[in-house]
């Protein structure tokens, strides 16, 4: 079960991602698989493409931990926004929980941008006057423009 807590007042809401499950086996007891029964709200959300952000299959070929983490962050924040999104490097460093030095983390980000390593997104770096930390910019690449 998953719990959702509110910051204002006290309300606890519990729900489960799976309503029921059963193990399937043949007559000799050899497992054949598992049958899952999902809640109707979850099933409807998956069927409605507007409610679920999918993961590009190329994500599973990413080998770097920072690349995978950054892809999930970019997918969440840049999702379907044609103009994309941006974060300053310092914010990303704090959000990542990386144990690397900031300098090394920033070098890793620059290398990811140089390789254009995140599937489905165009990455960039901008230096804005008055902000000491560079900005990582990202916007979705239309499926027709992908290689």
N, C-alpha and C. Protein backbone atom coordinates (compact mmCIF):
# COMPACT_ATOMS: atom_id res chain seq x y z
N UNK A 1 0.85 -1.18 0.00
CA UNK A 1 0.00 0.00 0.00
C UNK A 1 0.89 1.23 0.00
N UNK A 2 0.38 2.30 -0.56
CA UNK A 2 1.08 3.57 -0.62
C UNK A 2 0.30 4.58 0.20
N UNK A 3 0.98 5.43 0.93
CA UNK A 3 0.33 6.46 1.73
C UNK A 3 0.62 7.83 1.15
N UNK A 4 -0.36 8.69 1.17
CA UNK A 4 -0.18 10.08 0.75
C UNK A 4 -0.49 10.94 1.97
N UNK A 5 0.45 11.79 2.35
CA UNK A 5 0.24 12.66 3.50
C UNK A 5 0.15 14.10 3.02
N UNK A 6 -0.68 14.89 3.69
CA UNK A 6 -0.82 16.31 3.39
C UNK A 6 0.03 17.10 4.36
N UNK A 7 0.52 18.25 3.88
CA UNK A 7 1.32 19.10 4.76
C UNK A 7 0.42 19.98 5.63
N UNK A 8 -0.79 20.26 5.16
CA UNK A 8 -1.73 21.07 5.94
C UNK A 8 -2.76 20.15 6.56
N UNK A 9 -2.86 20.19 7.86
CA UNK A 9 -3.81 19.31 8.53
C UNK A 9 -3.34 17.88 8.53
N UNK A 10 -4.25 16.98 8.80
CA UNK A 10 -3.89 15.56 8.83
C UNK A 10 -4.93 14.79 8.05
N UNK A 11 -4.48 14.14 7.02
CA UNK A 11 -5.33 13.27 6.23
C UNK A 11 -4.45 12.14 5.72
N UNK A 12 -4.87 10.94 5.94
CA UNK A 12 -4.11 9.79 5.47
C UNK A 12 -4.99 9.06 4.47
N UNK A 13 -4.44 8.84 3.29
CA UNK A 13 -5.18 8.14 2.23
C UNK A 13 -4.34 6.95 1.80
N UNK A 14 -4.89 5.77 1.90
CA UNK A 14 -4.15 4.56 1.51
C UNK A 14 -4.78 3.98 0.25
N UNK A 15 -3.92 3.49 -0.62
CA UNK A 15 -4.39 2.79 -1.81
C UNK A 15 -3.33 1.79 -2.21
N UNK A 16 -3.70 0.90 -3.11
CA UNK A 16 -2.78 -0.11 -3.57
C UNK A 16 -2.70 -0.06 -5.09
N UNK A 17 -1.53 -0.30 -5.61
CA UNK A 17 -1.34 -0.33 -7.06
C UNK A 17 -1.89 -1.62 -7.66
N UNK A 18 -2.03 -2.65 -6.84
CA UNK A 18 -2.51 -3.96 -7.30
C UNK A 18 -3.67 -4.38 -6.40
N UNK A 19 -4.83 -4.67 -7.01
CA UNK A 19 -5.98 -5.14 -6.23
C UNK A 19 -5.81 -6.58 -5.77
N UNK A 20 -5.43 -7.44 -6.71
CA UNK A 20 -5.27 -8.86 -6.40
C UNK A 20 -4.14 -9.42 -7.25
N UNK A 21 -3.61 -10.56 -6.83
CA UNK A 21 -2.66 -11.28 -7.65
C UNK A 21 -2.81 -12.77 -7.38
N UNK A 22 -2.51 -13.58 -8.38
CA UNK A 22 -2.51 -15.03 -8.21
C UNK A 22 -1.34 -15.62 -8.97
N UNK A 23 -0.77 -16.63 -8.36
CA UNK A 23 0.30 -17.36 -9.02
C UNK A 23 -0.33 -18.47 -9.84
N UNK A 24 0.10 -18.59 -11.09
CA UNK A 24 -0.41 -19.63 -11.98
C UNK A 24 0.64 -20.73 -12.08
N UNK A 25 0.20 -22.00 -11.96
CA UNK A 25 1.12 -23.13 -12.03
C UNK A 25 0.44 -24.28 -12.77
N UNK A 26 1.27 -25.13 -13.36
CA UNK A 26 0.70 -26.31 -14.04
C UNK A 26 0.41 -27.40 -13.01
N UNK A 27 -0.05 -28.56 -13.47
CA UNK A 27 -0.46 -29.65 -12.58
C UNK A 27 0.68 -30.16 -11.71
N UNK A 28 1.93 -30.01 -12.19
CA UNK A 28 3.07 -30.49 -11.40
C UNK A 28 3.61 -29.41 -10.45
N UNK A 29 3.00 -28.24 -10.46
CA UNK A 29 3.43 -27.16 -9.57
C UNK A 29 4.47 -26.23 -10.16
N UNK A 30 4.82 -26.43 -11.42
CA UNK A 30 5.78 -25.55 -12.07
C UNK A 30 5.13 -24.18 -12.33
N UNK A 31 5.74 -23.11 -11.83
CA UNK A 31 5.15 -21.78 -12.02
C UNK A 31 5.04 -21.43 -13.51
N UNK A 32 3.89 -20.88 -13.88
CA UNK A 32 3.65 -20.44 -15.26
C UNK A 32 3.61 -18.92 -15.35
N UNK A 33 3.45 -18.27 -14.24
CA UNK A 33 3.40 -16.82 -14.25
C UNK A 33 2.55 -16.29 -13.11
N UNK A 34 2.30 -15.00 -13.15
CA UNK A 34 1.48 -14.34 -12.14
C UNK A 34 0.42 -13.53 -12.86
N UNK A 35 -0.78 -13.58 -12.35
CA UNK A 35 -1.89 -12.79 -12.88
C UNK A 35 -2.14 -11.64 -11.92
N UNK A 36 -2.15 -10.42 -12.45
CA UNK A 36 -2.38 -9.23 -11.63
C UNK A 36 -3.72 -8.62 -11.99
N UNK A 37 -4.44 -8.15 -11.00
CA UNK A 37 -5.68 -7.40 -11.23
C UNK A 37 -5.42 -5.99 -10.73
N UNK A 38 -5.48 -5.04 -11.67
CA UNK A 38 -5.19 -3.64 -11.37
C UNK A 38 -6.47 -2.89 -11.05
N UNK A 39 -6.38 -1.82 -10.24
CA UNK A 39 -7.56 -0.99 -9.98
C UNK A 39 -8.07 -0.36 -11.27
N UNK A 40 -9.37 -0.15 -11.35
CA UNK A 40 -9.97 0.45 -12.55
C UNK A 40 -9.36 1.82 -12.86
N UNK A 41 -9.13 2.66 -11.83
CA UNK A 41 -8.60 4.00 -12.06
C UNK A 41 -7.20 3.92 -12.67
N UNK A 42 -6.41 2.96 -12.26
CA UNK A 42 -5.06 2.81 -12.79
C UNK A 42 -5.12 2.33 -14.24
N UNK A 43 -5.94 1.33 -14.49
CA UNK A 43 -6.09 0.77 -15.83
C UNK A 43 -6.57 1.85 -16.80
N UNK A 44 -7.57 2.65 -16.39
CA UNK A 44 -8.09 3.72 -17.25
C UNK A 44 -7.00 4.76 -17.53
N UNK A 45 -6.19 5.08 -16.52
CA UNK A 45 -5.11 6.05 -16.71
C UNK A 45 -4.06 5.57 -17.69
N UNK A 46 -3.77 4.29 -17.68
CA UNK A 46 -2.79 3.74 -18.61
C UNK A 46 -3.34 3.74 -20.03
N UNK A 47 -4.63 3.46 -20.18
CA UNK A 47 -5.23 3.43 -21.52
C UNK A 47 -5.34 4.82 -22.13
N UNK A 48 -5.51 5.84 -21.29
CA UNK A 48 -5.59 7.22 -21.78
C UNK A 48 -4.17 7.76 -21.89
N UNK A 49 -3.66 7.85 -23.11
CA UNK A 49 -2.26 8.25 -23.33
C UNK A 49 -1.94 9.62 -22.75
N UNK A 50 -2.95 10.47 -22.57
CA UNK A 50 -2.70 11.81 -22.04
C UNK A 50 -2.36 11.79 -20.55
N UNK A 51 -2.65 10.69 -19.87
CA UNK A 51 -2.45 10.64 -18.42
C UNK A 51 -1.15 9.97 -17.99
N UNK A 52 -0.47 9.33 -18.91
CA UNK A 52 0.74 8.58 -18.55
C UNK A 52 1.89 9.00 -19.46
N UNK A 53 3.01 9.34 -18.85
CA UNK A 53 4.22 9.61 -19.62
C UNK A 53 4.95 8.29 -19.83
N UNK A 54 5.21 7.96 -21.06
CA UNK A 54 5.90 6.71 -21.35
C UNK A 54 7.42 6.92 -21.28
N UNK A 55 8.13 5.84 -21.18
CA UNK A 55 9.60 5.86 -21.17
C UNK A 55 10.06 5.40 -22.55
N UNK A 56 10.94 6.18 -23.15
CA UNK A 56 11.52 5.80 -24.44
C UNK A 56 12.30 4.50 -24.26
N UNK A 57 12.12 3.51 -25.14
CA UNK A 57 12.87 2.25 -25.01
C UNK A 57 14.39 2.46 -24.95
N UNK A 58 14.88 3.54 -25.57
CA UNK A 58 16.32 3.82 -25.55
C UNK A 58 16.81 4.17 -24.14
N UNK A 59 15.90 4.54 -23.25
CA UNK A 59 16.27 4.81 -21.85
C UNK A 59 17.00 3.60 -21.25
N UNK A 60 16.55 2.41 -21.60
CA UNK A 60 17.11 1.21 -21.00
C UNK A 60 18.51 0.89 -21.53
N UNK A 61 18.94 1.62 -22.56
CA UNK A 61 20.31 1.47 -23.06
C UNK A 61 21.26 2.51 -22.45
N UNK A 62 20.71 3.46 -21.68
CA UNK A 62 21.57 4.42 -21.00
C UNK A 62 22.36 3.68 -19.93
N UNK A 63 23.65 3.94 -19.86
CA UNK A 63 24.49 3.20 -18.92
C UNK A 63 24.87 4.00 -17.69
N UNK A 64 24.87 5.30 -17.79
CA UNK A 64 25.29 6.13 -16.66
C UNK A 64 24.15 6.39 -15.68
N UNK A 65 24.47 6.34 -14.39
CA UNK A 65 23.47 6.62 -13.37
C UNK A 65 22.93 8.04 -13.47
N UNK A 66 23.81 9.00 -13.74
CA UNK A 66 23.35 10.39 -13.87
C UNK A 66 22.47 10.53 -15.11
N UNK A 67 22.82 9.85 -16.20
CA UNK A 67 22.00 9.91 -17.41
C UNK A 67 20.59 9.39 -17.15
N UNK A 68 20.49 8.27 -16.47
CA UNK A 68 19.17 7.68 -16.19
C UNK A 68 18.37 8.60 -15.27
N UNK A 69 19.02 9.11 -14.22
CA UNK A 69 18.34 10.01 -13.30
C UNK A 69 17.88 11.27 -14.05
N UNK A 70 18.77 11.84 -14.86
CA UNK A 70 18.45 13.06 -15.59
C UNK A 70 17.32 12.82 -16.59
N UNK A 71 17.32 11.67 -17.26
CA UNK A 71 16.23 11.37 -18.20
C UNK A 71 14.89 11.37 -17.47
N UNK A 72 14.81 10.72 -16.32
CA UNK A 72 13.54 10.67 -15.58
C UNK A 72 13.11 12.06 -15.15
N UNK A 73 14.06 12.89 -14.72
CA UNK A 73 13.74 14.26 -14.32
C UNK A 73 13.27 15.07 -15.51
N UNK A 74 13.99 14.97 -16.62
CA UNK A 74 13.62 15.70 -17.84
C UNK A 74 12.26 15.23 -18.35
N UNK A 75 12.02 13.95 -18.30
CA UNK A 75 10.74 13.39 -18.77
C UNK A 75 9.59 13.92 -17.93
N UNK A 76 9.81 14.00 -16.63
CA UNK A 76 8.77 14.49 -15.72
C UNK A 76 8.49 15.97 -15.94
N UNK A 77 9.53 16.78 -16.01
CA UNK A 77 9.34 18.23 -16.07
C UNK A 77 9.17 18.76 -17.49
N UNK A 78 9.84 18.13 -18.45
CA UNK A 78 9.76 18.60 -19.83
C UNK A 78 8.72 17.87 -20.64
N UNK A 79 8.29 16.72 -20.13
CA UNK A 79 7.26 15.87 -20.73
C UNK A 79 6.78 16.24 -22.10
N UNK A 80 5.65 16.91 -22.15
CA UNK A 80 5.04 17.27 -23.44
C UNK A 80 5.06 18.78 -23.68
N UNK A 81 5.89 19.50 -22.97
CA UNK A 81 5.93 20.94 -23.13
C UNK A 81 6.80 21.28 -24.34
N UNK A 82 6.19 21.81 -25.40
CA UNK A 82 6.97 22.10 -26.62
C UNK A 82 8.16 23.02 -26.36
N UNK A 83 8.00 23.95 -25.42
CA UNK A 83 9.09 24.87 -25.12
C UNK A 83 10.13 24.29 -24.19
N UNK A 84 9.86 23.11 -23.65
CA UNK A 84 10.80 22.47 -22.75
C UNK A 84 10.80 23.07 -21.36
N UNK A 85 11.94 22.97 -20.72
CA UNK A 85 12.08 23.38 -19.33
C UNK A 85 13.55 23.64 -19.09
N UNK A 86 13.88 24.18 -17.93
CA UNK A 86 15.29 24.42 -17.61
C UNK A 86 15.51 24.35 -16.10
N UNK A 87 16.71 23.98 -15.73
CA UNK A 87 17.14 23.97 -14.34
C UNK A 87 18.56 24.49 -14.30
N UNK A 88 18.89 25.21 -13.21
CA UNK A 88 20.30 25.60 -13.08
C UNK A 88 21.08 24.42 -12.51
N UNK A 89 22.35 24.37 -12.87
CA UNK A 89 23.21 23.25 -12.50
C UNK A 89 23.23 23.02 -10.98
N UNK A 90 23.29 24.12 -10.21
CA UNK A 90 23.34 23.99 -8.74
C UNK A 90 22.09 23.28 -8.22
N UNK A 91 20.92 23.65 -8.76
CA UNK A 91 19.67 23.01 -8.34
C UNK A 91 19.70 21.52 -8.67
N UNK A 92 20.16 21.19 -9.87
CA UNK A 92 20.24 19.77 -10.26
C UNK A 92 21.21 19.02 -9.35
N UNK A 93 22.31 19.65 -9.02
CA UNK A 93 23.30 19.01 -8.15
C UNK A 93 22.68 18.68 -6.79
N UNK A 94 21.99 19.66 -6.21
CA UNK A 94 21.34 19.42 -4.90
C UNK A 94 20.25 18.36 -5.02
N UNK A 95 19.46 18.44 -6.07
CA UNK A 95 18.34 17.51 -6.27
C UNK A 95 18.83 16.08 -6.51
N UNK A 96 19.97 15.94 -7.14
CA UNK A 96 20.49 14.61 -7.50
C UNK A 96 20.97 13.81 -6.29
N UNK A 97 21.42 14.50 -5.26
CA UNK A 97 22.01 13.80 -4.13
C UNK A 97 23.37 13.21 -4.45
N UNK A 98 23.98 13.69 -5.52
CA UNK A 98 25.28 13.16 -5.94
C UNK A 98 26.33 13.38 -4.86
N UNK A 99 27.21 12.39 -4.71
CA UNK A 99 28.32 12.53 -3.76
C UNK A 99 29.57 13.08 -4.45
N UNK A 100 29.49 13.27 -5.75
CA UNK A 100 30.62 13.85 -6.50
C UNK A 100 30.75 15.33 -6.13
N UNK A 101 31.93 15.89 -6.38
CA UNK A 101 32.11 17.33 -6.20
C UNK A 101 31.24 18.04 -7.24
N UNK A 102 30.78 19.25 -6.92
CA UNK A 102 29.95 20.00 -7.86
C UNK A 102 30.65 20.14 -9.21
N UNK A 103 31.95 20.43 -9.18
CA UNK A 103 32.72 20.61 -10.41
C UNK A 103 32.62 19.37 -11.31
N UNK A 104 32.76 18.20 -10.71
CA UNK A 104 32.69 16.94 -11.47
C UNK A 104 31.27 16.68 -11.98
N UNK A 105 30.27 16.97 -11.14
CA UNK A 105 28.88 16.81 -11.54
C UNK A 105 28.58 17.70 -12.75
N UNK A 106 29.03 18.96 -12.69
CA UNK A 106 28.81 19.89 -13.80
C UNK A 106 29.51 19.40 -15.06
N UNK A 107 30.71 18.84 -14.92
CA UNK A 107 31.43 18.29 -16.08
C UNK A 107 30.65 17.12 -16.68
N UNK A 108 30.05 16.28 -15.83
CA UNK A 108 29.22 15.17 -16.33
C UNK A 108 28.02 15.70 -17.10
N UNK A 109 27.36 16.74 -16.58
CA UNK A 109 26.22 17.33 -17.29
C UNK A 109 26.65 17.86 -18.66
N UNK A 110 27.79 18.55 -18.70
CA UNK A 110 28.27 19.09 -19.97
C UNK A 110 28.55 17.96 -20.98
N UNK A 111 29.10 16.85 -20.49
CA UNK A 111 29.38 15.71 -21.38
C UNK A 111 28.08 15.09 -21.90
N UNK A 112 27.06 15.01 -21.05
CA UNK A 112 25.76 14.47 -21.48
C UNK A 112 25.16 15.36 -22.55
N UNK A 113 25.28 16.68 -22.36
CA UNK A 113 24.77 17.63 -23.37
C UNK A 113 25.55 17.48 -24.66
N UNK A 114 26.86 17.38 -24.58
CA UNK A 114 27.69 17.25 -25.79
C UNK A 114 27.33 16.00 -26.58
N UNK A 115 27.02 14.91 -25.88
CA UNK A 115 26.64 13.66 -26.56
C UNK A 115 25.17 13.63 -26.97
N UNK A 116 24.38 14.59 -26.47
CA UNK A 116 22.92 14.56 -26.68
C UNK A 116 22.41 13.16 -26.31
N UNK A 117 22.72 12.77 -25.07
CA UNK A 117 22.54 11.39 -24.64
C UNK A 117 21.12 11.01 -24.22
N UNK A 118 20.22 11.99 -24.05
CA UNK A 118 18.89 11.64 -23.56
C UNK A 118 17.92 11.46 -24.72
N UNK A 119 17.38 10.26 -24.89
CA UNK A 119 16.49 9.99 -26.03
C UNK A 119 15.23 10.85 -25.98
N UNK A 120 14.92 11.45 -27.14
CA UNK A 120 13.70 12.24 -27.25
C UNK A 120 13.80 13.68 -26.82
N UNK A 121 14.99 14.12 -26.43
CA UNK A 121 15.17 15.50 -25.94
C UNK A 121 16.41 16.14 -26.54
N UNK A 122 16.28 17.43 -26.83
CA UNK A 122 17.41 18.25 -27.25
C UNK A 122 17.88 19.00 -26.02
N UNK A 123 19.14 18.83 -25.67
CA UNK A 123 19.71 19.44 -24.48
C UNK A 123 20.56 20.64 -24.86
N UNK A 124 20.64 21.60 -23.98
CA UNK A 124 21.48 22.77 -24.21
C UNK A 124 21.96 23.33 -22.88
N UNK A 125 22.92 24.22 -22.97
CA UNK A 125 23.44 24.92 -21.79
C UNK A 125 23.40 26.40 -22.10
N UNK A 126 22.84 27.17 -21.18
CA UNK A 126 22.79 28.62 -21.32
C UNK A 126 23.41 29.26 -20.09
N UNK A 127 24.13 30.33 -20.32
CA UNK A 127 24.65 31.13 -19.22
C UNK A 127 23.85 32.42 -19.22
N UNK A 128 23.12 32.68 -18.15
CA UNK A 128 22.27 33.86 -18.05
C UNK A 128 22.96 34.89 -17.18
N UNK A 129 22.97 36.12 -17.65
CA UNK A 129 23.59 37.22 -16.90
C UNK A 129 22.90 37.35 -15.54
N UNK A 130 23.68 37.43 -14.49
CA UNK A 130 23.14 37.58 -13.15
C UNK A 130 22.94 36.26 -12.41
N UNK A 131 23.07 35.15 -13.11
CA UNK A 131 22.96 33.84 -12.48
C UNK A 131 24.31 33.15 -12.61
N UNK A 132 24.90 32.79 -11.47
CA UNK A 132 26.26 32.22 -11.52
C UNK A 132 26.29 30.80 -12.07
N UNK A 133 25.23 30.06 -11.85
CA UNK A 133 25.19 28.67 -12.29
C UNK A 133 24.60 28.57 -13.69
N UNK A 134 25.23 27.83 -14.60
CA UNK A 134 24.66 27.67 -15.94
C UNK A 134 23.30 26.97 -15.87
N UNK A 135 22.50 27.14 -16.92
CA UNK A 135 21.20 26.49 -17.01
C UNK A 135 21.27 25.31 -17.96
N UNK A 136 20.73 24.19 -17.55
CA UNK A 136 20.53 23.05 -18.44
C UNK A 136 19.15 23.24 -19.04
N UNK A 137 19.07 23.33 -20.36
CA UNK A 137 17.78 23.47 -21.03
C UNK A 137 17.47 22.16 -21.75
N UNK A 138 16.20 21.84 -21.82
CA UNK A 138 15.80 20.64 -22.55
C UNK A 138 14.41 20.83 -23.11
N UNK A 139 14.23 20.32 -24.31
CA UNK A 139 12.91 20.36 -24.95
C UNK A 139 12.72 19.08 -25.74
N UNK A 140 11.45 18.64 -25.84
CA UNK A 140 11.20 17.41 -26.58
C UNK A 140 11.51 17.56 -28.05
N UNK A 141 12.01 16.50 -28.64
CA UNK A 141 12.25 16.44 -30.08
C UNK A 141 11.05 15.73 -30.68
N UNK A 142 10.40 16.33 -31.70
CA UNK A 142 9.25 15.64 -32.31
C UNK A 142 9.66 14.26 -32.83
N UNK A 143 8.78 13.26 -32.68
CA UNK A 143 9.12 11.90 -33.13
C UNK A 143 9.58 11.84 -34.58
N UNK A 144 9.07 12.73 -35.44
CA UNK A 144 9.47 12.73 -36.85
C UNK A 144 10.90 13.21 -37.04
N UNK A 145 11.44 13.96 -36.05
CA UNK A 145 12.80 14.49 -36.18
C UNK A 145 13.85 13.56 -35.58
N UNK A 146 13.42 12.49 -34.94
CA UNK A 146 14.37 11.57 -34.31
C UNK A 146 14.99 10.66 -35.35
N UNK A 147 16.25 10.26 -35.07
CA UNK A 147 16.97 9.42 -36.00
C UNK A 147 16.74 7.97 -35.87
